[in-house]
N, C-alpha and C. Protein backbone atom coordinates (compact mmCIF):
# COMPACT_ATOMS: atom_id res chain seq x y z
N MET A 1 -23.35 18.95 251.29
CA MET A 1 -23.87 19.89 250.30
C MET A 1 -24.94 19.19 249.47
N PHE A 2 -26.05 19.89 249.25
CA PHE A 2 -27.14 19.33 248.47
C PHE A 2 -27.40 20.21 247.24
N ARG A 3 -27.45 19.59 246.07
CA ARG A 3 -27.76 20.31 244.84
C ARG A 3 -29.08 19.77 244.29
N VAL A 4 -30.03 20.66 244.03
CA VAL A 4 -31.35 20.26 243.54
C VAL A 4 -31.47 20.67 242.07
N VAL A 5 -31.83 19.72 241.22
CA VAL A 5 -32.01 19.96 239.79
C VAL A 5 -33.50 19.86 239.47
N ARG A 6 -34.07 20.91 238.87
CA ARG A 6 -35.48 20.91 238.47
C ARG A 6 -35.60 20.30 237.08
N ASP A 7 -35.86 19.00 237.02
CA ASP A 7 -35.90 18.31 235.73
C ASP A 7 -37.18 18.62 234.94
N PHE A 8 -38.32 18.72 235.64
CA PHE A 8 -39.58 18.88 234.91
C PHE A 8 -40.57 19.63 235.80
N GLU A 9 -41.33 20.52 235.18
CA GLU A 9 -42.36 21.28 235.90
C GLU A 9 -43.59 21.32 235.01
N GLY A 10 -44.54 20.42 235.28
CA GLY A 10 -45.77 20.37 234.49
C GLY A 10 -46.97 20.87 235.26
N ARG A 11 -48.15 20.76 234.66
CA ARG A 11 -49.36 21.22 235.33
C ARG A 11 -49.81 20.26 236.43
N SER A 12 -49.54 18.95 236.26
CA SER A 12 -49.94 17.96 237.27
C SER A 12 -48.74 17.35 238.00
N PHE A 13 -47.62 17.24 237.31
CA PHE A 13 -46.46 16.54 237.87
C PHE A 13 -45.22 17.43 237.83
N ALA A 14 -44.30 17.16 238.74
CA ALA A 14 -43.00 17.80 238.75
C ALA A 14 -41.97 16.80 239.23
N THR A 15 -40.75 16.89 238.72
CA THR A 15 -39.69 15.98 239.14
C THR A 15 -38.46 16.79 239.54
N ARG A 16 -37.74 16.24 240.50
CA ARG A 16 -36.51 16.86 240.99
C ARG A 16 -35.46 15.78 241.18
N ARG A 17 -34.21 16.18 241.05
CA ARG A 17 -33.08 15.32 241.43
C ARG A 17 -32.28 16.04 242.51
N VAL A 18 -31.85 15.27 243.51
CA VAL A 18 -31.04 15.81 244.59
C VAL A 18 -29.73 15.05 244.62
N ILE A 19 -28.63 15.78 244.55
CA ILE A 19 -27.30 15.17 244.62
C ILE A 19 -26.64 15.68 245.90
N ALA A 20 -26.32 14.76 246.79
CA ALA A 20 -25.65 15.12 248.05
C ALA A 20 -24.16 14.79 247.91
N THR A 21 -23.32 15.74 248.28
CA THR A 21 -21.87 15.53 248.24
C THR A 21 -21.29 15.77 249.62
N GLN A 22 -20.23 15.04 249.90
CA GLN A 22 -19.52 15.18 251.17
C GLN A 22 -18.02 15.11 250.87
N ARG A 23 -17.30 16.15 251.31
CA ARG A 23 -15.87 16.26 251.02
C ARG A 23 -15.59 16.17 249.51
N GLY A 24 -16.51 16.75 248.73
CA GLY A 24 -16.34 16.80 247.29
C GLY A 24 -16.76 15.56 246.54
N GLN A 25 -17.21 14.50 247.24
CA GLN A 25 -17.60 13.25 246.60
C GLN A 25 -19.12 13.07 246.70
N PRO A 26 -19.78 12.67 245.58
CA PRO A 26 -21.22 12.39 245.65
C PRO A 26 -21.48 11.13 246.47
N ILE A 27 -22.37 11.22 247.44
CA ILE A 27 -22.69 10.07 248.30
C ILE A 27 -24.15 9.66 248.18
N LEU A 28 -24.97 10.48 247.52
CA LEU A 28 -26.39 10.16 247.40
C LEU A 28 -26.95 10.80 246.14
N ASN A 29 -27.74 10.03 245.39
CA ASN A 29 -28.53 10.55 244.28
C ASN A 29 -29.99 10.18 244.54
N MET A 30 -30.84 11.18 244.57
CA MET A 30 -32.26 10.94 244.85
C MET A 30 -33.11 11.54 243.73
N ALA A 31 -34.07 10.75 243.26
CA ALA A 31 -35.03 11.21 242.27
C ALA A 31 -36.38 11.35 242.96
N CYS A 32 -37.05 12.48 242.79
CA CYS A 32 -38.33 12.76 243.44
C CYS A 32 -39.39 13.09 242.40
N SER A 33 -40.60 12.57 242.60
CA SER A 33 -41.72 12.86 241.71
C SER A 33 -42.87 13.38 242.55
N PHE A 34 -43.46 14.50 242.11
CA PHE A 34 -44.55 15.13 242.85
C PHE A 34 -45.78 15.25 241.94
N GLN A 35 -46.97 15.21 242.56
CA GLN A 35 -48.22 15.32 241.82
C GLN A 35 -49.19 16.21 242.59
N ARG A 36 -49.92 17.03 241.87
CA ARG A 36 -50.98 17.80 242.51
C ARG A 36 -52.07 16.84 242.99
N PRO A 37 -52.68 17.08 244.15
CA PRO A 37 -53.74 16.19 244.65
C PRO A 37 -54.92 16.14 243.68
N GLU A 38 -55.44 14.94 243.46
CA GLU A 38 -56.64 14.78 242.64
C GLU A 38 -57.32 13.48 243.02
N GLN A 39 -58.60 13.36 242.68
CA GLN A 39 -59.38 12.17 242.97
C GLN A 39 -59.24 11.17 241.82
N GLY A 40 -59.47 9.87 242.12
CA GLY A 40 -59.39 8.86 241.08
C GLY A 40 -59.80 7.49 241.61
N LEU A 41 -59.68 6.46 240.77
CA LEU A 41 -59.97 5.09 241.19
C LEU A 41 -59.06 4.72 242.34
N ALA A 42 -59.56 3.92 243.27
CA ALA A 42 -58.78 3.62 244.47
C ALA A 42 -59.04 2.19 244.95
N HIS A 43 -57.99 1.52 245.38
CA HIS A 43 -58.06 0.25 246.10
C HIS A 43 -56.75 0.08 246.85
N GLN A 44 -56.68 -0.88 247.77
CA GLN A 44 -55.45 -1.12 248.50
C GLN A 44 -55.45 -2.52 249.09
N ASP A 45 -54.25 -3.02 249.43
CA ASP A 45 -54.14 -4.26 250.18
C ASP A 45 -54.68 -4.08 251.58
N ALA A 46 -55.15 -5.16 252.17
CA ALA A 46 -55.63 -5.12 253.54
C ALA A 46 -54.45 -5.13 254.51
N MET A 47 -54.62 -4.49 255.63
CA MET A 47 -53.59 -4.49 256.65
C MET A 47 -53.52 -5.87 257.31
N PRO A 48 -52.32 -6.40 257.56
CA PRO A 48 -52.22 -7.70 258.24
C PRO A 48 -52.87 -7.66 259.63
N ALA A 49 -53.40 -8.79 260.04
CA ALA A 49 -54.01 -8.91 261.37
C ALA A 49 -52.91 -9.21 262.38
N VAL A 50 -52.52 -8.24 263.16
CA VAL A 50 -51.47 -8.39 264.16
C VAL A 50 -51.93 -7.76 265.47
N PRO A 51 -51.30 -8.09 266.60
CA PRO A 51 -51.67 -7.47 267.87
C PRO A 51 -51.42 -5.97 267.84
N PRO A 52 -52.19 -5.20 268.60
CA PRO A 52 -51.97 -3.75 268.66
C PRO A 52 -50.68 -3.43 269.42
N PRO A 53 -50.14 -2.25 269.24
CA PRO A 53 -48.85 -1.92 269.88
C PRO A 53 -48.92 -1.96 271.40
N GLU A 54 -50.08 -1.67 271.98
CA GLU A 54 -50.20 -1.69 273.45
C GLU A 54 -49.96 -3.07 274.04
N ASP A 55 -50.12 -4.12 273.23
CA ASP A 55 -49.92 -5.49 273.71
C ASP A 55 -48.49 -5.98 273.51
N LEU A 56 -47.62 -5.14 272.99
CA LEU A 56 -46.27 -5.56 272.64
C LEU A 56 -45.23 -4.79 273.43
N ALA A 57 -44.07 -5.41 273.61
CA ALA A 57 -42.97 -4.77 274.34
C ALA A 57 -42.21 -3.81 273.44
N ASP A 58 -41.75 -2.72 274.01
CA ASP A 58 -40.90 -1.79 273.27
C ASP A 58 -39.58 -2.47 272.94
N GLU A 59 -39.03 -2.14 271.77
CA GLU A 59 -37.78 -2.76 271.34
C GLU A 59 -36.65 -2.49 272.33
N ARG A 60 -36.69 -1.38 273.04
CA ARG A 60 -35.65 -1.08 274.02
C ARG A 60 -35.60 -2.15 275.12
N THR A 61 -36.75 -2.71 275.47
CA THR A 61 -36.77 -3.79 276.46
C THR A 61 -35.97 -4.98 275.97
N THR A 62 -36.12 -5.32 274.68
CA THR A 62 -35.36 -6.42 274.09
C THR A 62 -33.87 -6.09 274.08
N ARG A 63 -33.54 -4.85 273.75
CA ARG A 63 -32.13 -4.44 273.72
C ARG A 63 -31.50 -4.55 275.10
N LEU A 64 -32.21 -4.11 276.13
CA LEU A 64 -31.68 -4.20 277.49
C LEU A 64 -31.45 -5.64 277.91
N ALA A 65 -32.35 -6.53 277.48
CA ALA A 65 -32.25 -7.93 277.88
C ALA A 65 -31.01 -8.61 277.31
N MET A 66 -30.53 -8.15 276.16
CA MET A 66 -29.37 -8.78 275.54
C MET A 66 -28.09 -7.95 275.67
N ALA A 67 -28.17 -6.82 276.36
CA ALA A 67 -27.03 -5.91 276.41
C ALA A 67 -25.79 -6.55 277.00
N GLU A 68 -25.94 -7.38 278.05
CA GLU A 68 -24.78 -7.98 278.72
C GLU A 68 -24.08 -9.01 277.85
N ARG A 69 -24.72 -9.46 276.78
CA ARG A 69 -24.10 -10.46 275.90
C ARG A 69 -23.26 -9.82 274.80
N LEU A 70 -23.20 -8.48 274.79
CA LEU A 70 -22.51 -7.76 273.73
C LEU A 70 -21.22 -7.14 274.24
N PRO A 71 -20.22 -6.95 273.35
CA PRO A 71 -19.02 -6.20 273.74
C PRO A 71 -19.39 -4.76 274.04
N PRO A 72 -18.57 -4.04 274.84
CA PRO A 72 -18.93 -2.68 275.27
C PRO A 72 -19.25 -1.73 274.13
N ALA A 73 -18.49 -1.77 273.03
CA ALA A 73 -18.73 -0.84 271.92
C ALA A 73 -20.11 -1.07 271.31
N ALA A 74 -20.45 -2.35 271.07
CA ALA A 74 -21.76 -2.67 270.50
C ALA A 74 -22.87 -2.34 271.48
N ARG A 75 -22.61 -2.51 272.77
CA ARG A 75 -23.61 -2.21 273.79
C ARG A 75 -23.96 -0.73 273.79
N THR A 76 -22.94 0.12 273.61
CA THR A 76 -23.18 1.56 273.59
C THR A 76 -24.08 1.95 272.43
N VAL A 77 -23.82 1.36 271.25
CA VAL A 77 -24.65 1.65 270.08
C VAL A 77 -26.07 1.14 270.29
N LEU A 78 -26.19 -0.05 270.86
CA LEU A 78 -27.49 -0.68 271.01
C LEU A 78 -28.40 0.09 271.97
N LEU A 79 -27.82 0.69 273.01
CA LEU A 79 -28.62 1.31 274.07
C LEU A 79 -28.73 2.82 273.96
N ARG A 80 -28.16 3.42 272.93
CA ARG A 80 -28.26 4.87 272.81
C ARG A 80 -29.72 5.29 272.56
N PRO A 81 -30.12 6.47 273.02
CA PRO A 81 -31.50 6.93 272.80
C PRO A 81 -31.83 7.03 271.31
N ARG A 82 -33.05 6.68 270.96
CA ARG A 82 -33.48 6.68 269.56
C ARG A 82 -34.75 7.52 269.40
N PRO A 83 -34.88 8.23 268.28
CA PRO A 83 -36.04 9.10 268.09
C PRO A 83 -37.31 8.35 267.72
N ILE A 84 -37.18 7.09 267.29
CA ILE A 84 -38.32 6.29 266.85
C ILE A 84 -38.57 5.17 267.84
N GLU A 85 -39.78 5.08 268.35
CA GLU A 85 -40.17 3.97 269.21
C GLU A 85 -40.64 2.81 268.34
N VAL A 86 -40.11 1.61 268.59
CA VAL A 86 -40.41 0.44 267.77
C VAL A 86 -40.93 -0.68 268.67
N ARG A 87 -42.00 -1.33 268.23
CA ARG A 87 -42.55 -2.48 268.94
C ARG A 87 -42.74 -3.63 267.96
N PRO A 88 -41.78 -4.57 267.91
CA PRO A 88 -41.89 -5.71 266.98
C PRO A 88 -43.03 -6.64 267.38
N VAL A 89 -43.72 -7.18 266.39
CA VAL A 89 -44.77 -8.16 266.66
C VAL A 89 -44.15 -9.47 267.11
N ASP A 90 -43.04 -9.88 266.49
CA ASP A 90 -42.33 -11.10 266.87
C ASP A 90 -40.87 -10.75 267.11
N PRO A 91 -40.50 -10.34 268.33
CA PRO A 91 -39.11 -9.95 268.61
C PRO A 91 -38.15 -11.11 268.35
N ARG A 92 -36.96 -10.77 267.83
CA ARG A 92 -35.94 -11.77 267.52
C ARG A 92 -34.71 -11.54 268.38
N ASP A 93 -33.99 -12.62 268.62
CA ASP A 93 -32.69 -12.53 269.28
C ASP A 93 -31.69 -12.11 268.21
N TRP A 94 -31.15 -10.89 268.30
CA TRP A 94 -30.26 -10.38 267.26
C TRP A 94 -28.91 -11.06 267.26
N ILE A 95 -28.53 -11.70 268.37
CA ILE A 95 -27.22 -12.33 268.45
C ILE A 95 -27.28 -13.77 267.95
N ASP A 96 -28.29 -14.52 268.36
CA ASP A 96 -28.43 -15.92 267.95
C ASP A 96 -29.87 -16.19 267.54
N PRO A 97 -30.32 -15.63 266.41
CA PRO A 97 -31.73 -15.74 266.03
C PRO A 97 -32.09 -17.10 265.46
N ASP A 98 -33.35 -17.46 265.60
CA ASP A 98 -33.87 -18.67 264.95
C ASP A 98 -34.15 -18.39 263.49
N ARG A 99 -34.19 -19.46 262.69
CA ARG A 99 -34.58 -19.33 261.28
C ARG A 99 -36.10 -19.21 261.18
N GLY A 100 -36.56 -18.56 260.14
CA GLY A 100 -37.99 -18.43 259.94
C GLY A 100 -38.29 -17.90 258.55
N GLU A 101 -39.56 -17.62 258.31
CA GLU A 101 -39.97 -17.05 257.03
C GLU A 101 -39.49 -15.60 256.92
N PRO A 102 -39.15 -15.13 255.72
CA PRO A 102 -38.65 -13.77 255.55
C PRO A 102 -39.77 -12.73 255.61
N VAL A 103 -40.46 -12.69 256.75
CA VAL A 103 -41.59 -11.79 256.96
C VAL A 103 -41.41 -11.15 258.33
N GLN A 104 -41.73 -9.86 258.44
CA GLN A 104 -41.57 -9.17 259.71
C GLN A 104 -42.62 -8.05 259.80
N HIS A 105 -43.16 -7.88 261.01
CA HIS A 105 -44.10 -6.80 261.26
C HIS A 105 -43.66 -6.04 262.49
N LEU A 106 -43.71 -4.71 262.42
CA LEU A 106 -43.42 -3.91 263.59
C LEU A 106 -44.23 -2.62 263.57
N TRP A 107 -44.59 -2.18 264.77
CA TRP A 107 -45.23 -0.89 264.94
C TRP A 107 -44.15 0.15 265.24
N PHE A 108 -44.32 1.36 264.73
CA PHE A 108 -43.36 2.42 265.06
C PHE A 108 -44.08 3.76 265.11
N ARG A 109 -43.47 4.69 265.84
CA ARG A 109 -43.95 6.07 265.89
C ARG A 109 -42.81 6.94 266.43
N LEU A 110 -42.90 8.21 266.15
CA LEU A 110 -41.95 9.16 266.72
C LEU A 110 -42.14 9.20 268.23
N CYS A 111 -41.04 9.33 268.97
CA CYS A 111 -41.11 9.24 270.43
C CYS A 111 -41.86 10.41 271.07
N ALA A 112 -41.95 11.54 270.38
CA ALA A 112 -42.63 12.72 270.94
C ALA A 112 -43.47 13.37 269.85
N PRO A 113 -44.56 14.03 270.23
CA PRO A 113 -45.40 14.71 269.23
C PRO A 113 -44.64 15.83 268.54
N ILE A 114 -44.99 16.08 267.27
CA ILE A 114 -44.42 17.19 266.52
C ILE A 114 -45.56 18.00 265.91
N ALA A 115 -45.23 19.14 265.33
CA ALA A 115 -46.24 20.02 264.74
C ALA A 115 -46.93 19.35 263.55
N ASP A 116 -47.90 20.05 262.98
CA ASP A 116 -48.76 19.47 261.95
C ASP A 116 -48.18 19.52 260.54
N ASP A 117 -46.99 20.06 260.35
CA ASP A 117 -46.41 20.22 259.01
C ASP A 117 -46.31 18.85 258.32
N PRO A 118 -47.09 18.60 257.26
CA PRO A 118 -47.04 17.30 256.59
C PRO A 118 -45.66 16.94 256.07
N ALA A 119 -44.88 17.92 255.64
CA ALA A 119 -43.54 17.64 255.12
C ALA A 119 -42.66 17.01 256.19
N MET A 120 -42.78 17.49 257.43
CA MET A 120 -41.98 16.92 258.51
C MET A 120 -42.40 15.48 258.80
N HIS A 121 -43.70 15.19 258.76
CA HIS A 121 -44.16 13.82 258.99
C HIS A 121 -43.69 12.89 257.87
N ARG A 122 -43.68 13.39 256.65
CA ARG A 122 -43.16 12.58 255.54
C ARG A 122 -41.67 12.32 255.71
N ALA A 123 -40.92 13.31 256.17
CA ALA A 123 -39.48 13.14 256.37
C ALA A 123 -39.20 12.10 257.45
N VAL A 124 -39.98 12.13 258.52
CA VAL A 124 -39.80 11.14 259.59
C VAL A 124 -40.09 9.74 259.07
N LEU A 125 -41.17 9.59 258.30
CA LEU A 125 -41.49 8.26 257.76
C LEU A 125 -40.40 7.79 256.80
N ALA A 126 -39.86 8.69 255.99
CA ALA A 126 -38.79 8.31 255.07
C ALA A 126 -37.59 7.77 255.86
N TYR A 127 -37.27 8.44 256.96
CA TYR A 127 -36.17 7.97 257.82
C TYR A 127 -36.50 6.60 258.41
N ALA A 128 -37.71 6.45 258.94
CA ALA A 128 -38.09 5.21 259.61
C ALA A 128 -38.27 4.05 258.65
N SER A 129 -38.49 4.32 257.37
CA SER A 129 -38.76 3.24 256.41
C SER A 129 -37.55 2.34 256.17
N ASP A 130 -36.39 2.73 256.68
CA ASP A 130 -35.20 1.87 256.59
C ASP A 130 -35.12 0.87 257.74
N LEU A 131 -35.96 1.04 258.76
CA LEU A 131 -35.90 0.19 259.95
C LEU A 131 -36.42 -1.21 259.65
N GLY A 132 -35.59 -2.22 259.86
CA GLY A 132 -36.05 -3.60 259.81
C GLY A 132 -36.16 -4.23 258.45
N LEU A 133 -36.19 -3.45 257.39
CA LEU A 133 -36.45 -4.03 256.08
C LEU A 133 -35.32 -4.96 255.65
N LEU A 134 -34.08 -4.53 255.82
CA LEU A 134 -32.95 -5.35 255.39
C LEU A 134 -32.79 -6.58 256.27
N SER A 135 -33.04 -6.43 257.56
CA SER A 135 -32.89 -7.58 258.47
C SER A 135 -33.94 -8.66 258.20
N THR A 136 -35.04 -8.30 257.53
CA THR A 136 -36.06 -9.30 257.19
C THR A 136 -35.46 -10.38 256.29
N GLY A 137 -34.55 -9.99 255.40
CA GLY A 137 -33.91 -10.96 254.51
C GLY A 137 -32.93 -11.88 255.19
N LEU A 138 -32.58 -11.60 256.45
CA LEU A 138 -31.65 -12.46 257.19
C LEU A 138 -32.37 -13.55 257.97
N ILE A 139 -33.68 -13.41 258.16
CA ILE A 139 -34.41 -14.34 259.01
C ILE A 139 -34.30 -15.79 258.52
N PRO A 140 -34.43 -16.11 257.20
CA PRO A 140 -34.34 -17.52 256.79
C PRO A 140 -32.97 -18.15 257.03
N HIS A 141 -31.96 -17.32 257.27
CA HIS A 141 -30.59 -17.83 257.36
C HIS A 141 -30.08 -17.90 258.80
N GLY A 142 -30.90 -17.53 259.75
CA GLY A 142 -30.53 -17.67 261.15
C GLY A 142 -29.37 -16.78 261.57
N VAL A 143 -29.24 -15.62 260.95
CA VAL A 143 -28.21 -14.66 261.33
C VAL A 143 -28.86 -13.30 261.53
N GLY A 144 -28.20 -12.45 262.30
CA GLY A 144 -28.69 -11.10 262.52
C GLY A 144 -27.68 -10.08 262.04
N TRP A 145 -28.12 -8.83 261.96
CA TRP A 145 -27.22 -7.79 261.44
C TRP A 145 -26.07 -7.52 262.39
N MET A 146 -26.16 -7.96 263.66
CA MET A 146 -25.08 -7.75 264.60
C MET A 146 -24.08 -8.90 264.63
N HIS A 147 -24.29 -9.94 263.83
CA HIS A 147 -23.36 -11.06 263.79
C HIS A 147 -22.00 -10.57 263.31
N PRO A 148 -20.90 -10.97 263.96
CA PRO A 148 -19.58 -10.43 263.60
C PRO A 148 -19.14 -10.75 262.18
N ARG A 149 -19.71 -11.77 261.55
CA ARG A 149 -19.32 -12.12 260.18
C ARG A 149 -20.17 -11.42 259.12
N MET A 150 -21.21 -10.71 259.54
CA MET A 150 -22.11 -10.10 258.57
C MET A 150 -21.73 -8.65 258.29
N GLN A 151 -21.72 -8.30 257.01
CA GLN A 151 -21.59 -6.91 256.58
C GLN A 151 -22.92 -6.53 255.92
N VAL A 152 -23.65 -5.61 256.55
CA VAL A 152 -25.01 -5.28 256.14
C VAL A 152 -25.10 -3.79 255.87
N ALA A 153 -25.69 -3.41 254.72
CA ALA A 153 -25.83 -1.99 254.40
C ALA A 153 -26.93 -1.82 253.35
N SER A 154 -27.68 -0.73 253.45
CA SER A 154 -28.66 -0.39 252.42
C SER A 154 -27.92 0.10 251.17
N LEU A 155 -28.37 -0.36 250.00
CA LEU A 155 -27.74 0.05 248.74
C LEU A 155 -28.64 1.02 247.96
N ASP A 156 -29.90 0.69 247.82
CA ASP A 156 -30.84 1.61 247.19
C ASP A 156 -32.19 1.47 247.86
N HIS A 157 -32.96 2.55 247.83
CA HIS A 157 -34.18 2.61 248.63
C HIS A 157 -35.21 3.45 247.88
N SER A 158 -36.40 2.89 247.71
CA SER A 158 -37.49 3.61 247.04
C SER A 158 -38.69 3.70 247.96
N LEU A 159 -39.32 4.87 247.98
CA LEU A 159 -40.46 5.12 248.86
C LEU A 159 -41.56 5.80 248.06
N TRP A 160 -42.78 5.27 248.17
CA TRP A 160 -43.95 5.88 247.56
C TRP A 160 -44.91 6.29 248.67
N LEU A 161 -45.30 7.54 248.71
CA LEU A 161 -46.23 8.04 249.71
C LEU A 161 -47.62 8.14 249.08
N HIS A 162 -48.59 7.45 249.68
CA HIS A 162 -49.92 7.34 249.07
C HIS A 162 -50.96 8.26 249.70
N GLU A 163 -50.96 8.33 251.03
CA GLU A 163 -52.03 9.02 251.76
C GLU A 163 -51.42 9.84 252.90
N PRO A 164 -52.16 10.84 253.41
CA PRO A 164 -51.66 11.59 254.56
C PRO A 164 -51.63 10.73 255.82
N PHE A 165 -50.78 11.09 256.77
CA PHE A 165 -50.60 10.33 258.01
C PHE A 165 -49.87 11.22 259.00
N ARG A 166 -49.77 10.74 260.23
CA ARG A 166 -48.94 11.38 261.25
C ARG A 166 -47.88 10.39 261.70
N ALA A 167 -46.63 10.81 261.69
CA ALA A 167 -45.53 9.94 262.10
C ALA A 167 -45.40 9.84 263.60
N ASP A 168 -46.11 10.71 264.36
CA ASP A 168 -46.08 10.60 265.82
C ASP A 168 -47.26 9.79 266.35
N GLU A 169 -47.98 9.11 265.46
CA GLU A 169 -49.00 8.13 265.83
C GLU A 169 -48.57 6.77 265.30
N TRP A 170 -49.07 5.69 265.91
CA TRP A 170 -48.61 4.35 265.56
C TRP A 170 -48.87 4.02 264.09
N LEU A 171 -47.82 3.48 263.45
CA LEU A 171 -47.90 2.98 262.07
C LEU A 171 -47.38 1.54 262.06
N LEU A 172 -48.01 0.70 261.28
CA LEU A 172 -47.58 -0.70 261.16
C LEU A 172 -46.75 -0.87 259.90
N TYR A 173 -45.56 -1.44 260.06
CA TYR A 173 -44.66 -1.71 258.94
C TYR A 173 -44.67 -3.21 258.68
N ALA A 174 -45.25 -3.64 257.56
CA ALA A 174 -45.29 -5.04 257.15
C ALA A 174 -44.23 -5.26 256.08
N MET A 175 -43.28 -6.17 256.34
CA MET A 175 -42.12 -6.35 255.46
C MET A 175 -42.00 -7.79 254.98
N HIS A 176 -41.44 -7.94 253.77
CA HIS A 176 -41.28 -9.25 253.16
C HIS A 176 -40.05 -9.21 252.26
N SER A 177 -39.24 -10.25 252.32
CA SER A 177 -38.09 -10.38 251.43
C SER A 177 -38.34 -11.54 250.46
N PRO A 178 -38.72 -11.26 249.22
CA PRO A 178 -39.02 -12.33 248.27
C PRO A 178 -37.78 -12.98 247.66
N TRP A 179 -36.60 -12.34 247.81
CA TRP A 179 -35.39 -12.89 247.16
C TRP A 179 -34.14 -12.38 247.86
N ALA A 180 -33.14 -13.26 247.94
CA ALA A 180 -31.79 -12.87 248.35
C ALA A 180 -30.80 -13.75 247.60
N GLY A 181 -29.65 -13.21 247.26
CA GLY A 181 -28.61 -13.96 246.56
C GLY A 181 -27.45 -13.05 246.19
N HIS A 182 -26.29 -13.67 245.97
CA HIS A 182 -25.11 -12.93 245.52
C HIS A 182 -24.76 -11.78 246.47
N ALA A 183 -24.92 -12.04 247.78
CA ALA A 183 -24.62 -11.07 248.83
C ALA A 183 -25.58 -9.88 248.83
N ARG A 184 -26.74 -10.02 248.17
CA ARG A 184 -27.73 -8.95 248.15
C ARG A 184 -29.09 -9.48 248.58
N ASP A 185 -29.87 -8.58 249.13
CA ASP A 185 -31.24 -8.91 249.54
C ASP A 185 -32.19 -7.88 248.96
N PHE A 186 -33.35 -8.34 248.51
CA PHE A 186 -34.40 -7.44 248.02
C PHE A 186 -35.59 -7.55 248.96
N GLY A 187 -36.09 -6.41 249.42
CA GLY A 187 -37.22 -6.41 250.33
C GLY A 187 -38.30 -5.43 249.91
N ARG A 188 -39.53 -5.73 250.32
CA ARG A 188 -40.67 -4.85 250.09
C ARG A 188 -41.35 -4.56 251.42
N GLY A 189 -41.94 -3.38 251.54
CA GLY A 189 -42.63 -3.03 252.76
C GLY A 189 -43.89 -2.25 252.48
N SER A 190 -44.88 -2.39 253.36
CA SER A 190 -46.13 -1.63 253.31
C SER A 190 -46.35 -1.02 254.68
N ILE A 191 -46.72 0.26 254.71
CA ILE A 191 -46.91 0.98 255.97
C ILE A 191 -48.36 1.40 256.09
N PHE A 192 -48.99 1.01 257.20
CA PHE A 192 -50.41 1.23 257.44
C PHE A 192 -50.63 2.08 258.68
N THR A 193 -51.70 2.87 258.68
CA THR A 193 -52.15 3.53 259.89
C THR A 193 -52.92 2.53 260.74
N ARG A 194 -53.21 2.90 261.98
CA ARG A 194 -53.93 1.99 262.87
C ARG A 194 -55.31 1.63 262.34
N ASP A 195 -55.94 2.54 261.59
CA ASP A 195 -57.27 2.24 261.05
C ASP A 195 -57.21 1.52 259.71
N GLY A 196 -56.03 1.04 259.31
CA GLY A 196 -55.91 0.17 258.14
C GLY A 196 -55.64 0.84 256.83
N ARG A 197 -55.38 2.15 256.81
CA ARG A 197 -55.08 2.82 255.54
C ARG A 197 -53.63 2.55 255.13
N LEU A 198 -53.43 2.14 253.89
CA LEU A 198 -52.08 1.95 253.35
C LEU A 198 -51.55 3.33 252.94
N VAL A 199 -50.56 3.84 253.67
CA VAL A 199 -50.10 5.21 253.44
C VAL A 199 -48.76 5.28 252.71
N ALA A 200 -48.01 4.16 252.66
CA ALA A 200 -46.71 4.19 251.98
C ALA A 200 -46.30 2.79 251.59
N SER A 201 -45.52 2.70 250.51
CA SER A 201 -44.92 1.45 250.06
C SER A 201 -43.43 1.66 249.90
N VAL A 202 -42.66 0.60 250.16
CA VAL A 202 -41.20 0.69 250.17
C VAL A 202 -40.61 -0.48 249.40
N ALA A 203 -39.51 -0.25 248.70
CA ALA A 203 -38.70 -1.31 248.11
C ALA A 203 -37.24 -0.98 248.37
N GLN A 204 -36.46 -1.99 248.68
CA GLN A 204 -35.06 -1.75 249.03
C GLN A 204 -34.19 -2.92 248.62
N GLU A 205 -32.99 -2.61 248.14
CA GLU A 205 -31.97 -3.61 247.91
C GLU A 205 -30.81 -3.30 248.85
N GLY A 206 -30.26 -4.34 249.45
CA GLY A 206 -29.19 -4.12 250.40
C GLY A 206 -28.11 -5.18 250.33
N LEU A 207 -26.99 -4.88 250.93
CA LEU A 207 -25.85 -5.79 251.01
C LEU A 207 -26.00 -6.68 252.24
N ILE A 208 -25.92 -8.00 252.06
CA ILE A 208 -25.90 -8.95 253.19
C ILE A 208 -24.71 -9.89 252.96
N ARG A 209 -23.53 -9.37 253.06
CA ARG A 209 -22.30 -10.12 252.78
C ARG A 209 -21.87 -10.87 254.03
N GLN A 210 -21.62 -12.17 253.86
CA GLN A 210 -21.15 -13.01 254.95
C GLN A 210 -19.65 -13.23 254.78
N ARG A 211 -18.86 -12.62 255.65
CA ARG A 211 -17.42 -12.71 255.55
C ARG A 211 -16.93 -14.11 255.98
N ASP A 212 -15.80 -14.51 255.42
CA ASP A 212 -15.19 -15.79 255.80
C ASP A 212 -14.53 -15.67 257.16
């Protein structure tokens, strides 16, 4: 069940709150801010220089390569069909990963074309913006989200949409984790179109608890 509260309705801005409940318990609180389109001063970060998606392997190829090393239950989850096609710039071994800098880049797009409704493209990007961000904070520690001792979950997630885009065309997700501690990780992400436009920014805090 979703309840929408109209907090503010102005001439330029409007705000809404969405409370989602399941079995009578609130499971999600979302705050939304909207603005009428207008022109103004503009600048943006440059898109990172990475290989194009055509030069990279689909993430499913990586999943198939490691499937035999997983228990049957995990294998089923790993190989199930997914609506988002992902091509990592630097694929990692999710079972026994190497340590590295807390930085990750991946290309993603919806697996099939959809209609032109901008709201639907924004919804797809909101869904996809959770991909990979939390696992970026695990890279310096040489563990992956599939490690049996790791408990990993998103705790809070913020998304800012800057420019129009299509979610069924390739988008580059550049991610960085500037801090982790106390079983939590903080990550930031920037999403670019192929022609270098910064269309969305993301911030997320998540649980990265290492069980004894």
